[in-house]
Amino acid sequence: MVDFKDLKEAYFIGEIGINHNGDMQIAKKLIDAVNACGWDCAKFQKRNPDVCVPEHQKSVIRETPWGTMTYLEYKHRIEFGDKEFDSIDRYCSEKPIDWTASVWDLDSLEFLLSYDVPFLKIPSALITETDLVRESAKSGKPMIVSTGMSTLREVDDAVENVLKYNDNLVIMHTNSSYPTPKNELNLNLITMLKDRYGCTVGYSGHEEDLEPTVLAIALGAKVIERHITLSHDMWGTDQKASLEVHAMHMLKKRCQDVDTILGNSEKVVTESEIPIRKKLRGS
């Protein structure tokens, strides 16, 4: 399990989500990318479509690469089950690299807890599902709670429900639009959330570029999550707001530089300044 209360450096999550499009080979290539880029965790999503898809959307017709089908049929088509997650578990163990999934319903929570995942995540869409939040917290697993499209009162309630049972919590600042406009990123919320709850705070970015995520690290985010893809041209609603592999490499390097650049807040004459000082001051 991940001790989010004592992170020495940022913990990077590659959100594969449903960008695998139901294809295990794509999933494995994305896991490979997470590992090769030095990220810490490959994350998926787990849901029971029969429970999670709203009734009014189940029969909506959708055009997909696999033909015309209802939205419910599409969600079943791309959903991983026992066989796929068993394979993911083995594949990540061989790296080794962490893996987990966002849980979208109680059935999926029970399913995920059958694996030795390092933490659970409640997605923004379900922060108000009290039973799911509470049962996840009761599991004893470290938790990440995303806060997109939520009011401060809704975040308060979710945090309260978690902390009744579990204090190994990350509150994730995020905006749920894909991609997020720059004027809606509001990164100063990272500091506010940290002060308000006294918990570890992270950032889940859905913007198209890298700079906001780097700034989030500078503002104190200790857990970073970005959607990842093999190509922006792949089919799916999340692909455009995801990072391709080269961008994953760049982001990790830029974020690693943040701590070096910020320094330790001690005012001293630096090593490179000593000869300049001697030249200009004589001592």
C-alpha atoms as a PDB file:
ATOM      1  CA  MET A   1       0.000   0.000   0.000  1.00  0.00           C
ATOM      2  CA  VAL A   2       1.081   3.569  -0.628  1.00  0.00           C
ATOM      3  CA  ASP A   3       1.621   5.763   2.424  1.00  0.00           C
ATOM      4  CA  PHE A   4       0.314   9.022   1.015  1.00  0.00           C
ATOM      5  CA  LYS A   5       0.980  10.781   4.317  1.00  0.00           C
ATOM      6  CA  ASP A   6       4.751  10.415   3.940  1.00  0.00           C
ATOM      7  CA  LEU A   7       5.590  10.943   0.269  1.00  0.00           C
ATOM      8  CA  LYS A   8       9.135  12.218  -0.209  1.00  0.00           C
ATOM      9  CA  GLU A   9       8.550  13.042  -3.868  1.00  0.00           C
ATOM     10  CA  ALA A  10       5.573  13.214  -6.184  1.00  0.00           C
ATOM     11  CA  TYR A  11       3.768   9.958  -6.995  1.00  0.00           C
ATOM     12  CA  PHE A  12       2.877   9.753 -10.706  1.00  0.00           C
ATOM     13  CA  ILE A  13      -0.236   7.931 -11.928  1.00  0.00           C
ATOM     14  CA  GLY A  14      -0.735   7.149 -15.609  1.00  0.00           C
ATOM     15  CA  GLU A  15      -4.502   7.073 -16.081  1.00  0.00           C
ATOM     16  CA  ILE A  16      -5.120   4.497 -18.798  1.00  0.00           C
ATOM     17  CA  GLY A  17      -8.801   4.599 -17.925  1.00  0.00           C
ATOM     18  CA  ILE A  18     -10.683   3.263 -20.947  1.00  0.00           C
ATOM     19  CA  ASN A  19      -8.129   4.439 -23.508  1.00  0.00           C
ATOM     20  CA  HIS A  20      -7.310   0.755 -24.095  1.00  0.00           C
ATOM     21  CA  ASN A  21     -10.640   0.466 -25.962  1.00  0.00           C
ATOM     22  CA  GLY A  22     -11.089  -3.034 -24.613  1.00  0.00           C
ATOM     23  CA  ASP A  23      -7.813  -4.263 -26.139  1.00  0.00           C
ATOM     24  CA  MET A  24      -5.315  -5.966 -23.813  1.00  0.00           C
ATOM     25  CA  GLN A  25      -2.410  -5.352 -26.183  1.00  0.00           C
ATOM     26  CA  ILE A  26      -3.046  -1.619 -26.052  1.00  0.00           C
ATOM     27  CA  ALA A  27      -3.349  -1.831 -22.265  1.00  0.00           C
ATOM     28  CA  LYS A  28       0.013  -3.592 -22.014  1.00  0.00           C
ATOM     29  CA  LYS A  29       1.686  -1.022 -24.269  1.00  0.00           C
ATOM     30  CA  LEU A  30       0.370   1.744 -22.020  1.00  0.00           C
ATOM     31  CA  ILE A  31       1.638  -0.092 -18.929  1.00  0.00           C
ATOM     32  CA  ASP A  32       5.008  -0.342 -20.674  1.00  0.00           C
ATOM     33  CA  ALA A  33       4.916   3.426 -21.242  1.00  0.00           C
ATOM     34  CA  VAL A  34       4.181   4.131 -17.575  1.00  0.00           C
ATOM     35  CA  ASN A  35       7.101   1.939 -16.571  1.00  0.00           C
ATOM     36  CA  ALA A  36       9.531   3.287 -19.195  1.00  0.00           C
ATOM     37  CA  CYS A  37       8.783   6.899 -18.246  1.00  0.00           C
ATOM     38  CA  GLY A  38       9.515   6.265 -14.570  1.00  0.00           C
ATOM     39  CA  TRP A  39       5.937   6.791 -13.446  1.00  0.00           C
ATOM     40  CA  ASP A  40       4.688   4.907 -10.407  1.00  0.00           C
ATOM     41  CA  CYS A  41       1.260   3.503 -11.204  1.00  0.00           C
ATOM     42  CA  ALA A  42      -0.907   2.421 -14.135  1.00  0.00           C
ATOM     43  CA  LYS A  43      -4.550   3.109 -13.372  1.00  0.00           C
ATOM     44  CA  PHE A  44      -7.704   1.778 -15.002  1.00  0.00           C
ATOM     45  CA  GLN A  45     -11.436   2.184 -14.420  1.00  0.00           C
ATOM     46  CA  LYS A  46     -13.758  -0.543 -13.187  1.00  0.00           C
ATOM     47  CA  ARG A  47     -17.535  -0.373 -13.484  1.00  0.00           C
ATOM     48  CA  ASN A  48     -20.608  -2.539 -13.826  1.00  0.00           C
ATOM     49  CA  PRO A  49     -22.208  -0.934 -16.898  1.00  0.00           C
ATOM     50  CA  ASP A  50     -25.655  -2.275 -15.999  1.00  0.00           C
ATOM     51  CA  VAL A  51     -25.456  -0.260 -12.775  1.00  0.00           C
ATOM     52  CA  CYS A  52     -23.437   2.761 -13.881  1.00  0.00           C
ATOM     53  CA  VAL A  53     -25.032   3.699 -17.196  1.00  0.00           C
ATOM     54  CA  PRO A  54     -28.097   5.887 -16.577  1.00  0.00           C
ATOM     55  CA  GLU A  55     -31.346   4.376 -17.826  1.00  0.00           C
ATOM     56  CA  HIS A  56     -31.970   7.196 -20.289  1.00  0.00           C
ATOM     57  CA  GLN A  57     -28.582   6.525 -21.956  1.00  0.00           C
ATOM     58  CA  LYS A  58     -28.648   2.734 -22.171  1.00  0.00           C
ATOM     59  CA  SER A  59     -30.528   2.532 -25.466  1.00  0.00           C
ATOM     60  CA  VAL A  60     -28.889   5.541 -27.131  1.00  0.00           C
ATOM     61  CA  ILE A  61     -27.380   4.473 -30.447  1.00  0.00           C
ATOM     62  CA  ARG A  62     -23.667   5.081 -30.889  1.00  0.00           C
ATOM     63  CA  GLU A  63     -21.317   4.679 -33.833  1.00  0.00           C
ATOM     64  CA  THR A  64     -18.130   2.864 -32.787  1.00  0.00           C
ATOM     65  CA  PRO A  65     -15.140   1.216 -34.492  1.00  0.00           C
ATOM     66  CA  TRP A  66     -16.938  -2.090 -33.842  1.00  0.00           C
ATOM     67  CA  GLY A  67     -20.139  -1.038 -35.552  1.00  0.00           C
ATOM     68  CA  THR A  68     -23.417   0.578 -34.548  1.00  0.00           C
ATOM     69  CA  MET A  69     -24.561  -0.379 -31.048  1.00  0.00           C
ATOM     70  CA  THR A  70     -26.352   0.980 -28.003  1.00  0.00           C
ATOM     71  CA  TYR A  71     -24.364   2.931 -25.435  1.00  0.00           C
ATOM     72  CA  LEU A  72     -24.810   0.085 -22.942  1.00  0.00           C
ATOM     73  CA  GLU A  73     -23.480  -2.437 -25.466  1.00  0.00           C
ATOM     74  CA  TYR A  74     -20.496  -0.157 -26.113  1.00  0.00           C
ATOM     75  CA  LYS A  75     -19.695   0.115 -22.384  1.00  0.00           C
ATOM     76  CA  HIS A  76     -19.814  -3.679 -22.063  1.00  0.00           C
ATOM     77  CA  ARG A  77     -17.635  -4.000 -25.177  1.00  0.00           C
ATOM     78  CA  ILE A  78     -14.731  -2.068 -23.657  1.00  0.00           C
ATOM     79  CA  GLU A  79     -15.073  -3.217 -20.037  1.00  0.00           C
ATOM     80  CA  PHE A  80     -12.308  -5.448 -18.657  1.00  0.00           C
ATOM     81  CA  GLY A  81     -13.265  -8.418 -16.479  1.00  0.00           C
ATOM     82  CA  ASP A  82     -11.543 -11.181 -14.477  1.00  0.00           C
ATOM     83  CA  LYS A  83      -9.417 -12.458 -17.331  1.00  0.00           C
ATOM     84  CA  GLU A  84      -8.080  -9.039 -18.302  1.00  0.00           C
ATOM     85  CA  PHE A  85      -7.410  -7.822 -14.774  1.00  0.00           C
ATOM     86  CA  ASP A  86      -5.694 -11.094 -13.888  1.00  0.00           C
ATOM     87  CA  SER A  87      -3.403 -10.450 -16.853  1.00  0.00           C
ATOM     88  CA  ILE A  88      -2.863  -6.822 -15.795  1.00  0.00           C
ATOM     89  CA  ASP A  89      -2.008  -7.944 -12.273  1.00  0.00           C
ATOM     90  CA  ARG A  90       0.599 -10.425 -13.514  1.00  0.00           C
ATOM     91  CA  TYR A  91       2.033  -8.022 -16.087  1.00  0.00           C
ATOM     92  CA  CYS A  92       2.477  -5.176 -13.612  1.00  0.00           C
ATOM     93  CA  SER A  93       3.981  -7.489 -10.994  1.00  0.00           C
ATOM     94  CA  GLU A  94       6.676  -8.504 -13.470  1.00  0.00           C
ATOM     95  CA  LYS A  95       7.820  -4.884 -14.018  1.00  0.00           C
ATOM     96  CA  PRO A  96       7.269  -4.264 -11.084  1.00  0.00           C
ATOM     97  CA  ILE A  97       4.856  -1.333 -11.171  1.00  0.00           C
ATOM     98  CA  ASP A  98       1.772  -0.417  -9.155  1.00  0.00           C
ATOM     99  CA  TRP A  99      -1.683  -0.712 -10.681  1.00  0.00           C
ATOM    100  CA  THR A 100      -5.190   0.035  -9.508  1.00  0.00           C
ATOM    101  CA  ALA A 101      -8.517   1.330 -10.804  1.00  0.00           C
ATOM    102  CA  SER A 102     -11.162   3.920 -10.078  1.00  0.00           C
ATOM    103  CA  VAL A 103     -14.250   2.201  -8.675  1.00  0.00           C
ATOM    104  CA  TRP A 104     -17.610   3.274 -10.064  1.00  0.00           C
ATOM    105  CA  ASP A 105     -19.978   1.096  -8.011  1.00  0.00           C
ATOM    106  CA  LEU A 106     -20.073  -1.296  -5.075  1.00  0.00           C
ATOM    107  CA  ASP A 107     -19.779  -4.370  -7.325  1.00  0.00           C
ATOM    108  CA  SER A 108     -16.562  -2.950  -8.771  1.00  0.00           C
ATOM    109  CA  LEU A 109     -15.234  -2.120  -5.313  1.00  0.00           C
ATOM    110  CA  GLU A 110     -15.698  -5.751  -4.259  1.00  0.00           C
ATOM    111  CA  PHE A 111     -14.058  -6.873  -7.495  1.00  0.00           C
ATOM    112  CA  LEU A 112     -11.011  -4.621  -7.086  1.00  0.00           C
ATOM    113  CA  LEU A 113     -10.498  -5.624  -3.459  1.00  0.00           C
ATOM    114  CA  SER A 114      -9.887  -9.194  -4.630  1.00  0.00           C
ATOM    115  CA  TYR A 115      -6.506  -7.883  -5.848  1.00  0.00           C
ATOM    116  CA  ASP A 116      -3.681  -6.468  -3.751  1.00  0.00           C
ATOM    117  CA  VAL A 117      -4.015  -2.940  -5.139  1.00  0.00           C
ATOM    118  CA  PRO A 118      -2.014  -0.166  -3.416  1.00  0.00           C
ATOM    119  CA  PHE A 119      -4.947   2.268  -3.166  1.00  0.00           C
ATOM    120  CA  LEU A 120      -8.503   2.962  -4.282  1.00  0.00           C
ATOM    121  CA  LYS A 121      -9.789   5.972  -6.167  1.00  0.00           C
ATOM    122  CA  ILE A 122     -13.230   7.567  -6.110  1.00  0.00           C
ATOM    123  CA  PRO A 123     -13.753   9.473  -9.382  1.00  0.00           C
ATOM    124  CA  SER A 124     -15.252  12.950  -9.408  1.00  0.00           C
ATOM    125  CA  ALA A 125     -18.532  11.632 -10.807  1.00  0.00           C
ATOM    126  CA  LEU A 126     -19.130   9.572  -7.662  1.00  0.00           C
ATOM    127  CA  ILE A 127     -17.900  11.806  -4.851  1.00  0.00           C
ATOM    128  CA  THR A 128     -21.519  12.226  -3.688  1.00  0.00           C
ATOM    129  CA  GLU A 129     -22.214   8.454  -3.629  1.00  0.00           C
ATOM    130  CA  THR A 130     -21.975   8.151   0.148  1.00  0.00           C
ATOM    131  CA  ASP A 131     -22.202   4.356   0.329  1.00  0.00           C
ATOM    132  CA  LEU A 132     -19.391   3.900  -2.188  1.00  0.00           C
ATOM    133  CA  VAL A 133     -17.161   6.462  -0.445  1.00  0.00           C
ATOM    134  CA  ARG A 134     -17.842   4.989   2.979  1.00  0.00           C
ATOM    135  CA  GLU A 135     -17.347   1.332   1.983  1.00  0.00           C
ATOM    136  CA  SER A 136     -14.135   2.190   0.150  1.00  0.00           C
ATOM    137  CA  ALA A 137     -12.816   3.937   3.264  1.00  0.00           C
ATOM    138  CA  LYS A 138     -13.787   0.985   5.459  1.00  0.00           C
ATOM    139  CA  SER A 139     -11.622  -1.306   3.322  1.00  0.00           C
ATOM    140  CA  GLY A 140      -8.525   0.173   4.949  1.00  0.00           C
ATOM    141  CA  LYS A 141      -6.914   0.823   1.582  1.00  0.00           C
ATOM    142  CA  PRO A 142      -5.325   4.251   1.028  1.00  0.00           C
ATOM    143  CA  MET A 143      -7.739   6.450  -0.895  1.00  0.00           C
ATOM    144  CA  ILE A 144      -7.738   9.154  -3.528  1.00  0.00           C
ATOM    145  CA  VAL A 145     -10.873  11.267  -3.877  1.00  0.00           C
ATOM    146  CA  SER A 146     -11.221  13.487  -6.941  1.00  0.00           C
ATOM    147  CA  THR A 147     -13.114  16.756  -6.594  1.00  0.00           C
ATOM    148  CA  GLY A 148     -14.087  17.753 -10.138  1.00  0.00           C
ATOM    149  CA  MET A 149     -17.525  19.326 -10.791  1.00  0.00           C
ATOM    150  CA  SER A 150     -18.135  19.395  -7.021  1.00  0.00           C
ATOM    151  CA  THR A 151     -19.079  22.112  -4.561  1.00  0.00           C
ATOM    152  CA  LEU A 152     -16.985  22.726  -1.464  1.00  0.00           C
ATOM    153  CA  ARG A 153     -19.808  21.311   0.647  1.00  0.00           C
ATOM    154  CA  GLU A 154     -19.770  18.091  -1.391  1.00  0.00           C
ATOM    155  CA  VAL A 155     -16.009  17.813  -0.920  1.00  0.00           C
ATOM    156  CA  ASP A 156     -16.420  18.462   2.817  1.00  0.00           C
ATOM    157  CA  ASP A 157     -18.951  15.635   3.084  1.00  0.00           C
ATOM    158  CA  ALA A 158     -16.800  13.181   1.122  1.00  0.00           C
ATOM    159  CA  VAL A 159     -13.688  13.943   3.161  1.00  0.00           C
ATOM    160  CA  GLU A 160     -15.639  13.607   6.391  1.00  0.00           C
ATOM    161  CA  ASN A 161     -16.986  10.215   5.294  1.00  0.00           C
ATOM    162  CA  VAL A 162     -13.487   8.969   4.473  1.00  0.00           C
ATOM    163  CA  LEU A 163     -11.773  10.293   7.591  1.00  0.00           C
ATOM    164  CA  LYS A 164     -14.240   8.500   9.863  1.00  0.00           C
ATOM    165  CA  TYR A 165     -12.514   5.267   8.847  1.00  0.00           C
ATOM    166  CA  ASN A 166      -9.282   6.091   7.055  1.00  0.00           C
ATOM    167  CA  ASP A 167      -6.722   8.906   7.311  1.00  0.00           C
ATOM    168  CA  ASN A 168      -4.480   7.778   4.420  1.00  0.00           C
ATOM    169  CA  LEU A 169      -6.241  10.130   2.022  1.00  0.00           C
ATOM    170  CA  VAL A 170      -5.341  12.216  -1.015  1.00  0.00           C
ATOM    171  CA  ILE A 171      -7.701  14.970  -2.090  1.00  0.00           C
ATOM    172  CA  MET A 172      -7.310  15.445  -5.820  1.00  0.00           C
ATOM    173  CA  HIS A 173      -7.868  18.883  -7.319  1.00  0.00           C
ATOM    174  CA  THR A 174      -9.218  18.552 -10.842  1.00  0.00           C
ATOM    175  CA  ASN A 175     -11.594  20.018 -13.391  1.00  0.00           C
ATOM    176  CA  SER A 176     -13.865  17.511 -15.120  1.00  0.00           C
ATOM    177  CA  SER A 177     -13.947  19.120 -18.563  1.00  0.00           C
ATOM    178  CA  TYR A 178     -11.811  17.447 -21.256  1.00  0.00           C
ATOM    179  CA  PRO A 179      -9.689  19.324 -22.178  1.00  0.00           C
ATOM    180  CA  THR A 180      -9.874  21.935 -19.426  1.00  0.00           C
ATOM    181  CA  PRO A 181      -9.698  25.610 -20.480  1.00  0.00           C
ATOM    182  CA  LYS A 182      -6.751  27.391 -18.855  1.00  0.00           C
ATOM    183  CA  ASN A 183      -8.996  29.976 -17.228  1.00  0.00           C
ATOM    184  CA  GLU A 184     -10.800  27.197 -15.321  1.00  0.00           C
ATOM    185  CA  LEU A 185      -7.756  25.331 -13.943  1.00  0.00           C
ATOM    186  CA  ASN A 186      -7.715  27.362 -10.688  1.00  0.00           C
ATOM    187  CA  LEU A 187      -4.515  25.808  -9.352  1.00  0.00           C
ATOM    188  CA  ASN A 188      -4.618  27.975  -6.232  1.00  0.00           C
ATOM    189  CA  LEU A 189      -7.227  25.528  -4.965  1.00  0.00           C
ATOM    190  CA  ILE A 190      -4.339  23.141  -4.267  1.00  0.00           C
ATOM    191  CA  THR A 191      -3.140  25.369  -1.437  1.00  0.00           C
ATOM    192  CA  MET A 192      -6.685  25.937  -0.194  1.00  0.00           C
ATOM    193  CA  LEU A 193      -7.497  22.218  -0.072  1.00  0.00           C
ATOM    194  CA  LYS A 194      -4.251  21.478   1.746  1.00  0.00           C
ATOM    195  CA  ASP A 195      -4.959  24.146   4.377  1.00  0.00           C
ATOM    196  CA  ARG A 196      -8.626  23.239   4.753  1.00  0.00           C
ATOM    197  CA  TYR A 197      -8.278  19.486   5.247  1.00  0.00           C
ATOM    198  CA  GLY A 198      -4.684  18.928   6.390  1.00  0.00           C
ATOM    199  CA  CYS A 199      -4.415  15.991   3.985  1.00  0.00           C
ATOM    200  CA  THR A 200      -2.084  15.207   1.122  1.00  0.00           C
ATOM    201  CA  VAL A 201      -3.300  17.013  -1.990  1.00  0.00           C
ATOM    202  CA  GLY A 202      -2.811  15.929  -5.580  1.00  0.00           C
ATOM    203  CA  TYR A 203      -3.624  17.155  -9.062  1.00  0.00           C
ATOM    204  CA  SER A 204      -5.396  15.321 -11.873  1.00  0.00           C
ATOM    205  CA  GLY A 205      -4.861  17.350 -15.025  1.00  0.00           C
ATOM    206  CA  HIS A 206      -7.078  17.254 -18.091  1.00  0.00           C
ATOM    207  CA  GLU A 207      -5.425  20.141 -19.921  1.00  0.00           C
ATOM    208  CA  GLU A 208      -3.623  19.684 -23.228  1.00  0.00           C
ATOM    209  CA  ASP A 209      -0.210  21.001 -22.156  1.00  0.00           C
ATOM    210  CA  LEU A 210       2.323  20.320 -19.388  1.00  0.00           C
ATOM    211  CA  GLU A 211       2.892  23.622 -17.589  1.00  0.00           C
ATOM    212  CA  PRO A 212      -0.144  23.489 -15.253  1.00  0.00           C
ATOM    213  CA  THR A 213       0.970  20.117 -13.905  1.00  0.00           C
ATOM    214  CA  VAL A 214       4.476  21.452 -13.254  1.00  0.00           C
ATOM    215  CA  LEU A 215       2.953  24.450 -11.445  1.00  0.00           C
ATOM    216  CA  ALA A 216       0.786  22.067  -9.406  1.00  0.00           C
ATOM    217  CA  ILE A 217       3.951  20.393  -8.095  1.00  0.00           C
ATOM    218  CA  ALA A 218       5.371  23.799  -7.169  1.00  0.00           C
ATOM    219  CA  LEU A 219       2.144  24.576  -5.279  1.00  0.00           C
ATOM    220  CA  GLY A 220       2.461  21.409  -3.214  1.00  0.00           C
ATOM    221  CA  ALA A 221       0.686  18.630  -5.131  1.00  0.00           C
ATOM    222  CA  LYS A 222       2.216  15.308  -4.074  1.00  0.00           C
ATOM    223  CA  VAL A 223       0.227  12.993  -6.346  1.00  0.00           C
ATOM    224  CA  ILE A 224      -0.002  13.641 -10.084  1.00  0.00           C
ATOM    225  CA  GLU A 225      -2.438  11.926 -12.420  1.00  0.00           C
ATOM    226  CA  ARG A 226      -2.627  12.407 -16.185  1.00  0.00           C
ATOM    227  CA  HIS A 227      -4.572  10.454 -18.775  1.00  0.00           C
ATOM    228  CA  ILE A 228      -2.227   8.713 -21.196  1.00  0.00           C
ATOM    229  CA  THR A 229      -2.578   7.404 -24.745  1.00  0.00           C
ATOM    230  CA  LEU A 230      -0.536   5.807 -27.485  1.00  0.00           C
ATOM    231  CA  SER A 231      -1.874   8.403 -29.930  1.00  0.00           C
ATOM    232  CA  HIS A 232      -4.261  11.342 -29.913  1.00  0.00           C
ATOM    233  CA  ASP A 233      -5.686   9.893 -33.128  1.00  0.00           C
ATOM    234  CA  MET A 234      -7.033   6.804 -31.387  1.00  0.00           C
ATOM    235  CA  TRP A 235     -10.792   6.475 -30.986  1.00  0.00           C
ATOM    236  CA  GLY A 236     -12.325   7.564 -27.697  1.00  0.00           C
ATOM    237  CA  THR A 237     -13.526  10.615 -25.795  1.00  0.00           C
ATOM    238  CA  ASP A 238     -10.475  10.859 -23.503  1.00  0.00           C
ATOM    239  CA  GLN A 239      -7.716  10.543 -26.103  1.00  0.00           C
ATOM    240  CA  LYS A 240      -7.358  14.252 -26.977  1.00  0.00           C
ATOM    241  CA  ALA A 241      -6.867  15.295 -23.339  1.00  0.00           C
ATOM    242  CA  SER A 242      -4.290  12.543 -22.750  1.00  0.00           C
ATOM    243  CA  LEU A 243      -0.485  12.612 -22.879  1.00  0.00           C
ATOM    244  CA  GLU A 244       1.367  10.671 -25.527  1.00  0.00           C
ATOM    245  CA  VAL A 245       4.489   8.796 -24.446  1.00  0.00           C
ATOM    246  CA  HIS A 246       7.003  11.513 -25.383  1.00  0.00           C
ATOM    247  CA  ALA A 247       5.014  14.024 -23.316  1.00  0.00           C
ATOM    248  CA  MET A 248       5.027  11.629 -20.356  1.00  0.00           C
ATOM    249  CA  HIS A 249       8.834  11.630 -20.472  1.00  0.00           C
ATOM    250  CA  MET A 250       8.939  15.435 -20.684  1.00  0.00           C
ATOM    251  CA  LEU A 251       6.496  15.939 -17.828  1.00  0.00           C
ATOM    252  CA  LYS A 252       8.362  13.671 -15.421  1.00  0.00           C
ATOM    253  CA  LYS A 253      11.654  15.451 -16.175  1.00  0.00           C
ATOM    254  CA  ARG A 254      10.157  18.922 -15.732  1.00  0.00           C
ATOM    255  CA  CYS A 255       8.486  17.972 -12.469  1.00  0.00           C
ATOM    256  CA  GLN A 256      11.708  16.451 -11.124  1.00  0.00           C
ATOM    257  CA  ASP A 257      13.402  19.799 -11.729  1.00  0.00           C
ATOM    258  CA  VAL A 258      10.825  21.652  -9.596  1.00  0.00           C
ATOM    259  CA  ASP A 259      12.255  20.664  -6.199  1.00  0.00           C
ATOM    260  CA  THR A 260      15.771  21.548  -7.360  1.00  0.00           C
ATOM    261  CA  ILE A 261      14.599  24.943  -8.596  1.00  0.00           C
ATOM    262  CA  LEU A 262      12.558  25.723  -5.458  1.00  0.00           C
ATOM    263  CA  GLY A 263      15.486  24.926  -3.153  1.00  0.00           C
ATOM    264  CA  ASN A 264      15.331  24.851   0.628  1.00  0.00           C
ATOM    265  CA  SER A 265      14.484  28.515   1.476  1.00  0.00           C
ATOM    266  CA  GLU A 266      17.850  29.062   3.239  1.00  0.00           C
ATOM    267  CA  LYS A 267      19.608  32.300   2.263  1.00  0.00           C
ATOM    268  CA  VAL A 268      23.293  31.510   1.734  1.00  0.00           C
ATOM    269  CA  VAL A 269      26.094  32.512  -0.592  1.00  0.00           C
ATOM    270  CA  THR A 270      25.990  29.752  -3.173  1.00  0.00           C
ATOM    271  CA  GLU A 271      29.024  27.910  -4.477  1.00  0.00           C
ATOM    272  CA  SER A 272      28.847  29.628  -7.869  1.00  0.00           C
ATOM    273  CA  GLU A 273      28.604  33.049  -6.188  1.00  0.00           C
ATOM    274  CA  ILE A 274      31.789  32.673  -4.080  1.00  0.00           C
ATOM    275  CA  PRO A 275      34.295  33.660  -6.826  1.00  0.00           C
ATOM    276  CA  ILE A 276      32.002  36.507  -7.938  1.00  0.00           C
ATOM    277  CA  ARG A 277      31.799  37.762  -4.365  1.00  0.00           C
ATOM    278  CA  LYS A 278      35.588  37.665  -4.004  1.00  0.00           C
ATOM    279  CA  LYS A 279      36.008  39.554  -7.276  1.00  0.00           C
ATOM    280  CA  LEU A 280      33.489  42.296  -6.485  1.00  0.00           C
ATOM    281  CA  ARG A 281      33.845  42.572  -2.687  1.00  0.00           C
ATOM    282  CA  GLY A 282      37.296  41.202  -2.024  1.00  0.00           C
ATOM    283  CA  SER A 283      36.056  38.705   0.556  1.00  0.00           C
END
